[in-house]
Amino acid sequence: MAWDVAVELITALRTFATEEQFIYRYRSTKGAATLRDDRCTMHCPGPFDMVHHQCVMHRATIEGGLPF
């Protein structure tokens, strides 16, 4: 019973978080760089074509407080 409630809650939260008003789409260009705060980000809402595109990521950790 508790499992069903958890799945329902997660489904509702994911549906809400992926509404169009919350989505930022970025079309990368050669040599472009982007920065994002991974503490508050859901990644890749759609499929990524790894056959035709390369994604290089580097991680930097910044000291600081909790996100707001």
Protein backbone atom coordinates (compact mmCIF):
# COMPACT_ATOMS: atom_id res chain seq x y z
CA MET A 1 0.00 0.00 0.00
CA ALA A 2 2.74 2.50 0.96
CA TRP A 3 4.62 1.65 -2.25
CA ASP A 4 1.59 2.64 -4.35
CA VAL A 5 1.36 5.99 -2.55
CA ALA A 6 5.10 6.63 -3.11
CA VAL A 7 4.86 5.81 -6.83
CA GLU A 8 1.80 8.05 -7.16
CA LEU A 9 3.58 10.92 -5.38
CA ILE A 10 6.75 10.59 -7.49
CA THR A 11 4.65 10.46 -10.67
CA ALA A 12 2.75 13.61 -9.64
CA LEU A 13 5.98 15.46 -8.76
CA ARG A 14 7.66 14.48 -12.04
CA THR A 15 4.59 15.54 -14.02
CA PHE A 16 4.57 18.91 -12.27
CA ALA A 17 8.34 19.49 -12.55
CA THR A 18 8.39 18.76 -16.28
CA GLU A 19 5.62 21.20 -17.22
CA GLU A 20 6.60 23.47 -20.10
CA GLN A 21 6.87 26.51 -17.79
CA PHE A 22 9.79 24.89 -15.94
CA ILE A 23 11.77 23.59 -18.93
CA TYR A 24 14.81 25.41 -20.28
CA ARG A 25 15.98 24.18 -23.66
CA TYR A 26 19.45 25.00 -24.87
CA ARG A 27 20.72 24.27 -28.36
CA SER A 28 24.46 23.92 -28.13
CA THR A 29 26.81 25.27 -30.74
CA LYS A 30 30.40 24.23 -31.36
CA GLY A 31 32.66 25.66 -28.68
CA ALA A 32 29.76 26.71 -26.43
CA ALA A 33 29.80 26.19 -22.68
CA THR A 34 26.94 26.12 -20.20
CA LEU A 35 26.84 26.22 -16.43
CA ARG A 36 24.08 24.86 -14.25
CA ASP A 37 23.35 24.33 -10.58
CA ASP A 38 22.99 20.56 -10.30
CA ARG A 39 21.58 20.86 -6.80
CA CYS A 40 18.27 21.99 -8.29
CA THR A 41 18.27 20.57 -11.82
CA MET A 42 16.65 17.62 -13.56
CA HIS A 43 18.72 16.63 -16.59
CA CYS A 44 17.82 15.54 -20.09
CA PRO A 45 14.03 15.46 -20.25
CA GLY A 46 14.28 13.93 -23.72
CA PRO A 47 16.54 11.46 -25.51
CA PHE A 48 20.14 12.42 -26.30
CA ASP A 49 21.57 11.27 -29.64
CA MET A 50 24.99 9.94 -28.57
CA VAL A 51 25.66 8.56 -32.06
CA HIS A 52 25.73 11.99 -33.72
CA HIS A 53 26.62 14.28 -30.81
CA GLN A 54 29.32 14.35 -28.17
CA CYS A 55 28.76 15.76 -24.70
CA VAL A 56 31.84 16.60 -22.61
CA MET A 57 31.24 17.41 -18.96
CA HIS A 58 33.56 18.73 -16.28
CA ARG A 59 32.51 19.02 -12.66
CA ALA A 60 33.40 21.94 -10.40
CA THR A 61 32.29 22.05 -6.79
CA ILE A 62 31.65 25.46 -5.31
CA GLU A 63 31.71 26.06 -1.57
CA GLY A 64 28.65 27.70 -0.16
CA GLY A 65 25.37 27.33 1.59
CA LEU A 66 22.21 25.54 0.69
CA PRO A 67 20.42 26.46 -2.54
CA PHE A 68 17.53 28.87 -2.20
